[in-house]
C-alpha atoms as a PDB file:
ATOM      1  CA  MET A   1     -33.337 -62.880  53.853  1.00  0.00           C
ATOM      2  CA  ALA A   2     -31.651 -59.897  55.458  1.00  0.00           C
ATOM      3  CA  SER A   3     -28.335 -60.778  53.864  1.00  0.00           C
ATOM      4  CA  VAL A   4     -29.893 -61.100  50.438  1.00  0.00           C
ATOM      5  CA  GLN A   5     -31.588 -57.670  50.704  1.00  0.00           C
ATOM      6  CA  SER A   6     -28.366 -55.963  51.825  1.00  0.00           C
ATOM      7  CA  THR A   7     -26.504 -57.537  48.932  1.00  0.00           C
ATOM      8  CA  ARG A   8     -29.085 -56.240  46.452  1.00  0.00           C
ATOM      9  CA  MET A   9     -28.957 -52.779  48.051  1.00  0.00           C
ATOM     10  CA  TRP A  10     -25.164 -52.497  47.791  1.00  0.00           C
ATOM     11  CA  GLY A  11     -25.289 -53.686  44.181  1.00  0.00           C
ATOM     12  CA  THR A  12     -27.822 -50.989  43.360  1.00  0.00           C
ATOM     13  CA  VAL A  13     -25.644 -48.306  45.015  1.00  0.00           C
ATOM     14  CA  PHE A  14     -22.543 -49.511  43.186  1.00  0.00           C
ATOM     15  CA  SER A  15     -24.343 -49.484  39.869  1.00  0.00           C
ATOM     16  CA  LEU A  16     -25.665 -45.933  40.507  1.00  0.00           C
ATOM     17  CA  SER A  17     -22.209 -44.650  41.435  1.00  0.00           C
ATOM     18  CA  LEU A  18     -20.706 -46.200  38.308  1.00  0.00           C
ATOM     19  CA  ARG A  19     -23.374 -44.597  36.141  1.00  0.00           C
ATOM     20  CA  SER A  20     -22.858 -41.207  37.786  1.00  0.00           C
ATOM     21  CA  ARG A  21     -19.135 -41.479  37.219  1.00  0.00           C
ATOM     22  CA  LEU A  22     -19.642 -42.322  33.579  1.00  0.00           C
ATOM     23  CA  HIS A  23     -22.078 -39.457  33.264  1.00  0.00           C
ATOM     24  CA  MET A  24     -19.648 -37.023  34.833  1.00  0.00           C
ATOM     25  CA  LEU A  25     -16.878 -38.241  32.548  1.00  0.00           C
ATOM     26  CA  CYS A  26     -19.061 -37.697  29.502  1.00  0.00           C
ATOM     27  CA  LEU A  27     -19.880 -34.188  30.676  1.00  0.00           C
ATOM     28  CA  CYS A  28     -16.209 -33.348  31.144  1.00  0.00           C
ATOM     29  CA  VAL A  29     -15.292 -34.657  27.699  1.00  0.00           C
ATOM     30  CA  THR A  30     -18.164 -32.706  26.128  1.00  0.00           C
ATOM     31  CA  LEU A  31     -17.065 -29.503  27.899  1.00  0.00           C
ATOM     32  CA  VAL A  32     -13.460 -29.899  26.759  1.00  0.00           C
ATOM     33  CA  ILE A  33     -14.537 -30.491  23.174  1.00  0.00           C
ATOM     34  CA  HIS A  34     -16.854 -27.462  23.321  1.00  0.00           C
ATOM     35  CA  LEU A  35     -14.149 -25.176  24.661  1.00  0.00           C
ATOM     36  CA  THR A  36     -11.658 -26.457  22.118  1.00  0.00           C
ATOM     37  CA  LEU A  37     -13.911 -25.996  19.124  1.00  0.00           C
ATOM     38  CA  GLN A  38     -15.329 -22.625  20.249  1.00  0.00           C
ATOM     39  CA  PRO A  39     -13.837 -19.734  18.208  1.00  0.00           C
ATOM     40  CA  VAL A  40     -11.677 -17.306  20.130  1.00  0.00           C
ATOM     41  CA  SER A  41     -13.145 -13.809  20.328  1.00  0.00           C
ATOM     42  CA  ALA A  42     -11.319 -10.794  18.886  1.00  0.00           C
ATOM     43  CA  SER A  43     -10.443  -9.530  22.353  1.00  0.00           C
ATOM     44  CA  GLN A  44      -8.923 -12.904  23.357  1.00  0.00           C
ATOM     45  CA  ARG A  45      -6.898 -13.415  20.165  1.00  0.00           C
ATOM     46  CA  PRO A  46      -3.360 -12.037  20.112  1.00  0.00           C
ATOM     47  CA  SER A  47      -3.364  -8.878  18.030  1.00  0.00           C
ATOM     48  CA  SER A  48      -1.635  -9.144  14.658  1.00  0.00           C
ATOM     49  CA  LEU A  49      -1.346  -5.354  14.447  1.00  0.00           C
ATOM     50  CA  LYS A  50       2.282  -4.378  15.012  1.00  0.00           C
ATOM     51  CA  GLU A  51       3.478  -1.100  16.466  1.00  0.00           C
ATOM     52  CA  ILE A  52       6.450   0.697  14.908  1.00  0.00           C
ATOM     53  CA  THR A  53       8.732   2.925  16.981  1.00  0.00           C
ATOM     54  CA  ASP A  54      11.995   4.793  16.507  1.00  0.00           C
ATOM     55  CA  GLY A  55      13.787   1.743  17.807  1.00  0.00           C
ATOM     56  CA  ASN A  56      12.409  -0.903  15.419  1.00  0.00           C
ATOM     57  CA  TRP A  57      11.403   1.086  12.324  1.00  0.00           C
ATOM     58  CA  GLU A  58      14.166  -0.536  10.258  1.00  0.00           C
ATOM     59  CA  ASP A  59      12.200  -3.806  10.385  1.00  0.00           C
ATOM     60  CA  ILE A  60       9.867  -2.441   7.724  1.00  0.00           C
ATOM     61  CA  LEU A  61      12.726  -2.323   5.195  1.00  0.00           C
ATOM     62  CA  ALA A  62      12.360  -6.096   4.692  1.00  0.00           C
ATOM     63  CA  GLY A  63       9.189  -7.798   3.450  1.00  0.00           C
ATOM     64  CA  GLU A  64       5.819  -6.276   2.633  1.00  0.00           C
ATOM     65  CA  TRP A  65       4.182  -3.811   4.989  1.00  0.00           C
ATOM     66  CA  MET A  66       1.107  -1.611   5.292  1.00  0.00           C
ATOM     67  CA  ILE A  67       1.703   1.159   7.823  1.00  0.00           C
ATOM     68  CA  LYS A  68      -0.810   3.608   9.235  1.00  0.00           C
ATOM     69  CA  PHE A  69       0.259   6.903  10.840  1.00  0.00           C
ATOM     70  CA  PHE A  70      -2.325   8.212  13.283  1.00  0.00           C
ATOM     71  CA  ALA A  71      -2.901  10.327  16.371  1.00  0.00           C
ATOM     72  CA  PRO A  72      -5.264   9.442  19.230  1.00  0.00           C
ATOM     73  CA  TRP A  73      -7.008  12.831  19.057  1.00  0.00           C
ATOM     74  CA  CYS A  74      -7.686  12.601  15.278  1.00  0.00           C
ATOM     75  CA  PRO A  75     -11.396  11.895  14.476  1.00  0.00           C
ATOM     76  CA  ALA A  76     -10.585  10.462  11.038  1.00  0.00           C
ATOM     77  CA  CYS A  77      -8.067   8.112  12.635  1.00  0.00           C
ATOM     78  CA  GLN A  78     -10.687   6.928  15.106  1.00  0.00           C
ATOM     79  CA  GLN A  79     -13.105   6.174  12.262  1.00  0.00           C
ATOM     80  CA  LEU A  80     -10.428   4.193  10.435  1.00  0.00           C
ATOM     81  CA  GLN A  81      -9.471   2.100  13.467  1.00  0.00           C
ATOM     82  CA  PRO A  82     -12.125  -0.690  13.104  1.00  0.00           C
ATOM     83  CA  ALA A  83     -11.437  -1.260   9.403  1.00  0.00           C
ATOM     84  CA  TRP A  84      -7.689  -1.258  10.020  1.00  0.00           C
ATOM     85  CA  SER A  85      -8.020  -3.818  12.832  1.00  0.00           C
ATOM     86  CA  GLU A  86     -10.094  -6.126  10.609  1.00  0.00           C
ATOM     87  CA  PHE A  87      -7.530  -5.732   7.858  1.00  0.00           C
ATOM     88  CA  ALA A  88      -4.770  -6.646  10.310  1.00  0.00           C
ATOM     89  CA  ASP A  89      -6.556  -9.949  11.042  1.00  0.00           C
ATOM     90  CA  TRP A  90      -6.020 -10.915   7.391  1.00  0.00           C
ATOM     91  CA  GLY A  91      -2.405  -9.833   7.317  1.00  0.00           C
ATOM     92  CA  GLU A  92      -0.923 -13.157   8.402  1.00  0.00           C
ATOM     93  CA  ASP A  93      -2.943 -15.101   5.831  1.00  0.00           C
ATOM     94  CA  MET A  94      -1.894 -12.746   3.028  1.00  0.00           C
ATOM     95  CA  GLY A  95       1.764 -12.578   4.083  1.00  0.00           C
ATOM     96  CA  VAL A  96       1.609  -8.843   4.787  1.00  0.00           C
ATOM     97  CA  ASN A  97       2.684  -7.101   7.975  1.00  0.00           C
ATOM     98  CA  ILE A  98       0.110  -4.591   9.214  1.00  0.00           C
ATOM     99  CA  ALA A  99       1.490  -1.867  11.488  1.00  0.00           C
ATOM    100  CA  LYS A 100       0.631   1.469  13.042  1.00  0.00           C
ATOM    101  CA  VAL A 101       2.614   4.493  14.217  1.00  0.00           C
ATOM    102  CA  ASP A 102       1.461   6.973  16.847  1.00  0.00           C
ATOM    103  CA  VAL A 103       2.967  10.303  15.724  1.00  0.00           C
ATOM    104  CA  THR A 104       2.443  11.868  19.142  1.00  0.00           C
ATOM    105  CA  GLU A 105       4.736   9.260  20.689  1.00  0.00           C
ATOM    106  CA  GLN A 106       7.119   8.886  17.727  1.00  0.00           C
ATOM    107  CA  PRO A 107       7.886  12.397  16.402  1.00  0.00           C
ATOM    108  CA  GLY A 108      11.059  11.145  14.734  1.00  0.00           C
ATOM    109  CA  LEU A 109       9.080   8.859  12.421  1.00  0.00           C
ATOM    110  CA  SER A 110       6.680  11.702  11.687  1.00  0.00           C
ATOM    111  CA  GLY A 111       9.593  13.748  10.350  1.00  0.00           C
ATOM    112  CA  ARG A 112      11.227  10.788   8.650  1.00  0.00           C
ATOM    113  CA  PHE A 113       8.104  10.099   6.552  1.00  0.00           C
ATOM    114  CA  ILE A 114       7.051  13.797   6.253  1.00  0.00           C
ATOM    115  CA  ILE A 115       3.577  13.256   7.696  1.00  0.00           C
ATOM    116  CA  THR A 116       1.500  16.335   6.827  1.00  0.00           C
ATOM    117  CA  SER A 117      -2.013  14.873   7.208  1.00  0.00           C
ATOM    118  CA  LEU A 118      -3.673  12.226   9.352  1.00  0.00           C
ATOM    119  CA  PRO A 119      -4.263   9.396   8.887  1.00  0.00           C
ATOM    120  CA  THR A 120      -1.521   8.607   6.363  1.00  0.00           C
ATOM    121  CA  ILE A 121      -0.979   5.101   5.001  1.00  0.00           C
ATOM    122  CA  TYR A 122       2.211   3.810   3.361  1.00  0.00           C
ATOM    123  CA  HIS A 123       2.865   0.577   1.512  1.00  0.00           C
ATOM    124  CA  CYS A 124       6.388  -0.782   1.691  1.00  0.00           C
ATOM    125  CA  LYS A 125       7.819  -3.634  -0.357  1.00  0.00           C
ATOM    126  CA  ASP A 126      11.475  -4.517   0.302  1.00  0.00           C
ATOM    127  CA  GLY A 127      12.375  -0.967   1.285  1.00  0.00           C
ATOM    128  CA  VAL A 128      10.453   0.762  -1.539  1.00  0.00           C
ATOM    129  CA  PHE A 129       7.755   3.068  -0.175  1.00  0.00           C
ATOM    130  CA  ARG A 130       4.511   4.133  -1.827  1.00  0.00           C
ATOM    131  CA  LYS A 131       1.769   6.323  -0.410  1.00  0.00           C
ATOM    132  CA  TYR A 132      -1.712   4.800  -0.349  1.00  0.00           C
ATOM    133  CA  GLN A 133      -4.356   7.127  -1.818  1.00  0.00           C
ATOM    134  CA  GLY A 134      -7.380   4.788  -2.233  1.00  0.00           C
ATOM    135  CA  ALA A 135     -10.547   4.169  -0.248  1.00  0.00           C
ATOM    136  CA  ARG A 136     -10.156   3.222   3.385  1.00  0.00           C
ATOM    137  CA  THR A 137     -12.173   0.071   3.902  1.00  0.00           C
ATOM    138  CA  LYS A 138     -11.096  -3.459   4.698  1.00  0.00           C
ATOM    139  CA  ASN A 139     -12.012  -4.784   1.247  1.00  0.00           C
ATOM    140  CA  ASP A 140     -10.125  -1.955  -0.473  1.00  0.00           C
ATOM    141  CA  PHE A 141      -7.030  -2.683   1.601  1.00  0.00           C
ATOM    142  CA  LEU A 142      -7.253  -6.396   0.790  1.00  0.00           C
ATOM    143  CA  ALA A 143      -7.676  -5.726  -2.932  1.00  0.00           C
ATOM    144  CA  PHE A 144      -4.783  -3.260  -2.905  1.00  0.00           C
ATOM    145  CA  VAL A 145      -2.448  -5.931  -1.550  1.00  0.00           C
ATOM    146  CA  ASP A 146      -3.911  -9.046  -3.203  1.00  0.00           C
ATOM    147  CA  GLU A 147      -4.221  -7.533  -6.697  1.00  0.00           C
ATOM    148  CA  GLN A 148      -0.897  -5.660  -6.320  1.00  0.00           C
ATOM    149  CA  LYS A 149      -2.414  -2.318  -7.152  1.00  0.00           C
ATOM    150  CA  TRP A 150       0.556  -0.686  -5.467  1.00  0.00           C
ATOM    151  CA  GLN A 151       2.614  -1.321  -8.616  1.00  0.00           C
ATOM    152  CA  ALA A 152       0.680   1.467 -10.387  1.00  0.00           C
ATOM    153  CA  ILE A 153       1.791   4.039  -7.799  1.00  0.00           C
ATOM    154  CA  GLU A 154       5.051   5.903  -8.251  1.00  0.00           C
ATOM    155  CA  PRO A 155       7.443   5.079  -5.394  1.00  0.00           C
ATOM    156  CA  VAL A 156       8.944   7.677  -3.126  1.00  0.00           C
ATOM    157  CA  SER A 157      12.242   9.097  -4.405  1.00  0.00           C
ATOM    158  CA  SER A 158      15.399   7.781  -2.809  1.00  0.00           C
ATOM    159  CA  TRP A 159      16.256  11.349  -1.789  1.00  0.00           C
ATOM    160  CA  PHE A 160      13.121  11.439   0.372  1.00  0.00           C
ATOM    161  CA  GLY A 161      13.221   7.829   1.501  1.00  0.00           C
ATOM    162  CA  PRO A 162      13.090   7.257   5.265  1.00  0.00           C
ATOM    163  CA  SER A 163      16.628   5.880   5.318  1.00  0.00           C
ATOM    164  CA  SER A 164      18.196   8.776   3.366  1.00  0.00           C
ATOM    165  CA  PHE A 165      20.468  11.384   4.935  1.00  0.00           C
ATOM    166  CA  LEU A 166      17.905  14.123   4.387  1.00  0.00           C
ATOM    167  CA  MET A 167      15.162  12.226   6.195  1.00  0.00           C
ATOM    168  CA  ASN A 168      17.533  11.282   8.996  1.00  0.00           C
ATOM    169  CA  SER A 169      18.167  14.991   9.472  1.00  0.00           C
ATOM    170  CA  MET A 170      14.437  15.691   9.441  1.00  0.00           C
ATOM    171  CA  SER A 171      13.902  12.990  12.032  1.00  0.00           C
ATOM    172  CA  ALA A 172      16.551  14.526  14.290  1.00  0.00           C
ATOM    173  CA  LEU A 173      14.950  17.954  13.842  1.00  0.00           C
ATOM    174  CA  PHE A 174      11.517  16.657  14.835  1.00  0.00           C
ATOM    175  CA  LYS A 175      12.986  14.908  17.864  1.00  0.00           C
ATOM    176  CA  LEU A 176      14.712  18.135  18.870  1.00  0.00           C
ATOM    177  CA  SER A 177      11.469  20.090  18.527  1.00  0.00           C
ATOM    178  CA  MET A 178       9.642  17.569  20.714  1.00  0.00           C
ATOM    179  CA  PHE A 179      12.450  17.734  23.291  1.00  0.00           C
ATOM    180  CA  ILE A 180      12.219  21.533  23.366  1.00  0.00           C
ATOM    181  CA  ARG A 181       8.462  21.328  23.772  1.00  0.00           C
ATOM    182  CA  ARG A 182       8.793  18.952  26.712  1.00  0.00           C
ATOM    183  CA  CYS A 183      11.382  21.205  28.317  1.00  0.00           C
ATOM    184  CA  HIS A 184       9.074  24.197  27.849  1.00  0.00           C
ATOM    185  CA  ASN A 185       6.173  22.342  29.458  1.00  0.00           C
ATOM    186  CA  TYR A 186       8.379  21.220  32.332  1.00  0.00           C
ATOM    187  CA  MET A 187       9.639  24.750  33.039  1.00  0.00           C
ATOM    188  CA  THR A 188       6.192  26.327  32.851  1.00  0.00           C
ATOM    189  CA  ASP A 189       4.217  23.590  34.620  1.00  0.00           C
ATOM    190  CA  GLN A 190       6.659  22.113  37.142  1.00  0.00           C
ATOM    191  CA  LEU A 191       9.080  24.993  37.845  1.00  0.00           C
ATOM    192  CA  GLY A 192       6.533  27.801  37.531  1.00  0.00           C
ATOM    193  CA  ILE A 193       8.595  29.865  35.079  1.00  0.00           C
ATOM    194  CA  PRO A 194       6.438  32.277  33.017  1.00  0.00           C
ATOM    195  CA  VAL A 195       6.062  31.667  29.318  1.00  0.00           C
ATOM    196  CA  TRP A 196       8.090  34.739  28.327  1.00  0.00           C
ATOM    197  CA  GLY A 197      10.883  33.607  30.669  1.00  0.00           C
ATOM    198  CA  SER A 198      10.971  30.236  28.936  1.00  0.00           C
ATOM    199  CA  TYR A 199      11.194  31.965  25.556  1.00  0.00           C
ATOM    200  CA  ILE A 200      14.117  34.104  26.754  1.00  0.00           C
ATOM    201  CA  ILE A 201      15.949  31.037  28.044  1.00  0.00           C
ATOM    202  CA  PHE A 202      15.528  29.227  24.729  1.00  0.00           C
ATOM    203  CA  GLY A 203      16.580  32.333  22.802  1.00  0.00           C
ATOM    204  CA  LEU A 204      19.814  32.695  24.774  1.00  0.00           C
ATOM    205  CA  ALA A 205      20.498  28.980  24.481  1.00  0.00           C
ATOM    206  CA  THR A 206      20.002  29.196  20.707  1.00  0.00           C
ATOM    207  CA  LEU A 207      22.341  32.212  20.461  1.00  0.00           C
ATOM    208  CA  PHE A 208      25.192  30.667  22.440  1.00  0.00           C
ATOM    209  CA  SER A 209      24.847  27.275  20.780  1.00  0.00           C
ATOM    210  CA  GLY A 210      24.992  28.969  17.366  1.00  0.00           C
ATOM    211  CA  LEU A 211      28.161  30.832  18.317  1.00  0.00           C
ATOM    212  CA  ALA A 212      29.781  27.663  19.644  1.00  0.00           C
ATOM    213  CA  LEU A 213      28.796  25.712  16.546  1.00  0.00           C
ATOM    214  CA  GLY A 214      30.167  28.460  14.300  1.00  0.00           C
ATOM    215  CA  LEU A 215      33.534  28.428  16.088  1.00  0.00           C
ATOM    216  CA  ILE A 216      33.704  24.646  15.854  1.00  0.00           C
ATOM    217  CA  LEU A 217      32.973  24.764  12.120  1.00  0.00           C
ATOM    218  CA  VAL A 218      35.673  27.409  11.598  1.00  0.00           C
ATOM    219  CA  PHE A 219      38.247  25.320  13.455  1.00  0.00           C
ATOM    220  CA  ILE A 220      37.293  22.223  11.492  1.00  0.00           C
ATOM    221  CA  ALA A 221      37.513  24.101   8.189  1.00  0.00           C
ATOM    222  CA  ASP A 222      40.956  25.497   9.074  1.00  0.00           C
ATOM    223  CA  PHE A 223      42.163  22.045  10.085  1.00  0.00           C
ATOM    224  CA  VAL A 224      40.779  20.168   7.093  1.00  0.00           C
ATOM    225  CA  PHE A 225      41.369  22.864   4.457  1.00  0.00           C
ATOM    226  CA  PRO A 226      44.352  24.924   5.629  1.00  0.00           C
ATOM    227  CA  SER A 227      45.306  28.048   3.704  1.00  0.00           C
ATOM    228  CA  ARG A 228      47.876  27.507   0.975  1.00  0.00           C
ATOM    229  CA  ARG A 229      49.947  30.513   1.922  1.00  0.00           C
ATOM    230  CA  PHE A 230      50.402  29.226   5.478  1.00  0.00           C
ATOM    231  CA  SER A 231      51.143  25.689   4.326  1.00  0.00           C
ATOM    232  CA  SER A 232      53.901  26.745   1.860  1.00  0.00           C
ATOM    233  CA  SER A 233      57.521  26.421   3.048  1.00  0.00           C
ATOM    234  CA  ASP A 234      58.695  29.826   1.820  1.00  0.00           C
ATOM    235  CA  TYR A 235      55.701  31.733   3.207  1.00  0.00           C
ATOM    236  CA  TYR A 236      57.640  33.308   6.080  1.00  0.00           C
ATOM    237  CA  GLN A 237      60.519  34.268   3.789  1.00  0.00           C
ATOM    238  CA  LYS A 238      58.099  36.017   1.472  1.00  0.00           C
ATOM    239  CA  LYS A 239      56.486  37.660   4.458  1.00  0.00           C
ATOM    240  CA  GLN A 240      59.831  39.023   5.696  1.00  0.00           C
ATOM    241  CA  SER A 241      60.772  40.286   2.238  1.00  0.00           C
ATOM    242  CA  LEU A 242      57.406  42.023   1.954  1.00  0.00           C
ATOM    243  CA  GLN A 243      57.877  43.650   5.335  1.00  0.00           C
ATOM    244  CA  GLN A 244      61.336  44.872   4.345  1.00  0.00           C
ATOM    245  CA  ALA A 245      60.004  46.254   1.082  1.00  0.00           C
ATOM    246  CA  ARG A 246      57.260  48.075   2.959  1.00  0.00           C
ATOM    247  CA  LEU A 247      59.813  49.572   5.374  1.00  0.00           C
ATOM    248  CA  LEU A 248      61.940  50.794   2.465  1.00  0.00           C
ATOM    249  CA  GLN A 249      58.935  52.328   0.796  1.00  0.00           C
ATOM    250  CA  GLN A 250      57.971  54.042   4.026  1.00  0.00           C
ATOM    251  CA  GLN A 251      61.499  55.443   4.467  1.00  0.00           C
ATOM    252  CA  GLU A 252      61.526  56.730   0.905  1.00  0.00           C
ATOM    253  CA  ALA A 253      58.147  58.323   1.453  1.00  0.00           C
ATOM    254  CA  ASP A 254      59.469  60.005   4.627  1.00  0.00           C
ATOM    255  CA  HIS A 255      62.508  61.318   2.761  1.00  0.00           C
ATOM    256  CA  GLU A 256      60.331  62.633  -0.006  1.00  0.00           C
ATOM    257  CA  ALA A 257      58.091  64.327   2.545  1.00  0.00           C
ATOM    258  CA  ASP A 258      61.151  65.938   4.213  1.00  0.00           C
ATOM    259  CA  GLY A 259      62.418  67.119   0.811  1.00  0.00           C
ATOM    260  CA  GLU A 260      59.064  68.637  -0.007  1.00  0.00           C
ATOM    261  CA  GLU A 261      59.063  70.488   3.320  1.00  0.00           C
ATOM    262  CA  ASP A 262      62.560  71.881   2.582  1.00  0.00           C
ATOM    263  CA  ASP A 263      61.433  72.951  -0.852  1.00  0.00           C
ATOM    264  CA  ASP A 264      58.425  74.654   0.658  1.00  0.00           C
ATOM    265  CA  GLU A 265      60.653  76.535   3.094  1.00  0.00           C
ATOM    266  CA  ASP A 266      62.968  77.605   0.259  1.00  0.00           C
ATOM    267  CA  GLU A 267      60.008  78.736  -1.757  1.00  0.00           C
ATOM    268  CA  ASP A 268      58.740  80.735   1.230  1.00  0.00           C
ATOM    269  CA  GLU A 269      62.157  82.390   1.629  1.00  0.00           C
ATOM    270  CA  GLU A 270      62.304  83.170  -2.055  1.00  0.00           C
ATOM    271  CA  GLU A 271      58.819  84.634  -1.916  1.00  0.00           C
ATOM    272  CA  GLU A 272      59.841  86.781   1.047  1.00  0.00           C
ATOM    273  CA  GLU A 273      62.924  87.972  -0.847  1.00  0.00           C
ATOM    274  CA  PHE A 274      60.864  88.697  -3.914  1.00  0.00           C
ATOM    275  CA  GLY A 275      58.378  90.531  -1.721  1.00  0.00           C
ATOM    276  CA  GLU A 276      61.121  92.686  -0.224  1.00  0.00           C
ATOM    277  CA  GLN A 277      62.500  93.407  -3.680  1.00  0.00           C
ATOM    278  CA  ASP A 278      59.046  94.417  -4.851  1.00  0.00           C
ATOM    279  CA  GLN A 279      58.691  96.742  -1.902  1.00  0.00           C
ATOM    280  CA  ASP A 280      62.115  98.274  -2.680  1.00  0.00           C
ATOM    281  CA  GLU A 281      61.136  98.714  -6.267  1.00  0.00           C
ATOM    282  CA  ASP A 282      57.908 100.381  -5.244  1.00  0.00           C
ATOM    283  CA  TRP A 283      59.783 102.702  -2.910  1.00  0.00           C
ATOM    284  CA  THR A 284      62.291 103.427  -5.646  1.00  0.00           C
ATOM    285  CA  ARG A 285      59.525 104.219  -8.057  1.00  0.00           C
ATOM    286  CA  ARG A 286      58.045 106.606  -5.505  1.00  0.00           C
ATOM    287  CA  ARG A 287      61.374 108.311  -4.887  1.00  0.00           C
ATOM    288  CA  GLY A 288      62.457 108.425  -8.460  1.00  0.00           C
ATOM    289  CA  SER A 289      64.429 106.622 -11.056  1.00  0.00           C
ATOM    290  CA  PRO A 290      68.080 105.774 -10.519  1.00  0.00           C
ATOM    291  CA  GLU A 291      69.177 108.390 -13.055  1.00  0.00           C
ATOM    292  CA  GLY A 292      67.705 111.160 -10.867  1.00  0.00           C
ATOM    293  CA  ARG A 293      64.785 111.828 -13.144  1.00  0.00           C
ATOM    294  CA  PRO A 294      61.719 112.629 -11.168  1.00  0.00           C
ATOM    295  CA  GLU A 295      58.745 110.397 -11.512  1.00  0.00           C
ATOM    296  CA  THR A 296      55.259 111.707 -11.096  1.00  0.00           C
ATOM    297  CA  GLY A 297      53.103 110.142  -8.463  1.00  0.00           C
ATOM    298  CA  ALA A 298      49.442 109.381  -8.517  1.00  0.00           C
ATOM    299  CA  GLN A 299      48.668 113.152  -8.325  1.00  0.00           C
ATOM    300  CA  GLY A 300      51.487 114.398 -10.558  1.00  0.00           C
ATOM    301  CA  PHE A 301      53.645 115.942  -7.745  1.00  0.00           C
ATOM    302  CA  THR A 302      57.495 115.778  -7.980  1.00  0.00           C
ATOM    303  CA  GLU A 303      59.714 114.702  -5.126  1.00  0.00           C
ATOM    304  CA  GLU A 304      60.733 118.321  -4.352  1.00  0.00           C
ATOM    305  CA  ALA A 305      57.136 119.367  -4.052  1.00  0.00           C
ATOM    306  CA  VAL A 306      56.490 116.545  -1.627  1.00  0.00           C
ATOM    307  CA  ARG A 307      59.467 117.529   0.472  1.00  0.00           C
ATOM    308  CA  LYS A 308      58.345 121.172   0.574  1.00  0.00           C
ATOM    309  CA  ARG A 309      54.893 120.145   1.745  1.00  0.00           C
ATOM    310  CA  ILE A 310      56.362 117.903   4.477  1.00  0.00           C
ATOM    311  CA  VAL A 311      58.639 120.733   5.673  1.00  0.00           C
ATOM    312  CA  ALA A 312      55.704 123.130   5.762  1.00  0.00           C
ATOM    313  CA  GLN A 313      53.625 120.682   7.806  1.00  0.00           C
ATOM    314  CA  ARG A 314      56.419 120.248  10.356  1.00  0.00           C
ATOM    315  CA  GLN A 315      56.768 124.036  10.714  1.00  0.00           C
ATOM    316  CA  ASP A 316      53.079 124.393  11.308  1.00  0.00           C
ATOM    317  CA  GLU A 317      53.193 121.706  14.021  1.00  0.00           C
ATOM    318  CA  GLU A 318      56.126 123.454  15.751  1.00  0.00           C
ATOM    319  CA  GLU A 319      54.260 126.749  15.764  1.00  0.00           C
ATOM    320  CA  ASP A 320      51.221 125.094  17.280  1.00  0.00           C
ATOM    321  CA  THR A 321      53.263 123.595  20.082  1.00  0.00           C
END
């Protein structure tokens, strides 16, 4: 009897353990199926929103793109963020790449696309850019792409395209401005230099860099476009002949100046001679004419009367002495 009861007991235990194992297996299978079929939340899904930087911006030149330019501090950009994220979830199904650009981190792209307001949205199809001006909801974005409403918008001119030379220059200028701003913040915050000292440093740096750039441009211009007179073979011969002609002209001018001085001296001598002759003539007129005829003076006295008066004056002086 004891053996029969023990056999029944072990059979019951074995059957319970088999049932529990089957039950556990069913639970595991049910859990796996539940986890597999459960939809992945938005936070767990890999984001389909791409980020464009100065290093990979050329990727947008191929295919169809919708690009949003934003700044973290912009309230309008913050309001647009949920709708743009929902729109990005549909991008893969519609065959459109949805991207974003942070202008505070990518100043070069801000200058390349001439971003003057935030947020700014561009549509790009095979390198042709158009600025989106419609409503900013998910359904409007989907209709804009699905119904190809972008065809009614005039594309950006090739002169102002992001890959043009002009926009490359603008991008470099914006990068330079951001670099200067970072240097200014570093000098004022880290080094303790006053703001006016930073301005003076940048002013001097701008002055000297401008002078250096001007000299470089002058040297390049002289090397690429040399003067014709210096490049001609007979330039130095012409130069020597011109110098000789100038020397001859100078010598002739000196001779003419010497001749004029001699003429002036002769004229002075002649004037002196004429002056002496005039004085002699005056004296002769006072004394009388050459024929011995007396000439009356200013008061009508003759020469004899003058002599008599002079003799009388001398006699009076002798008597006084």
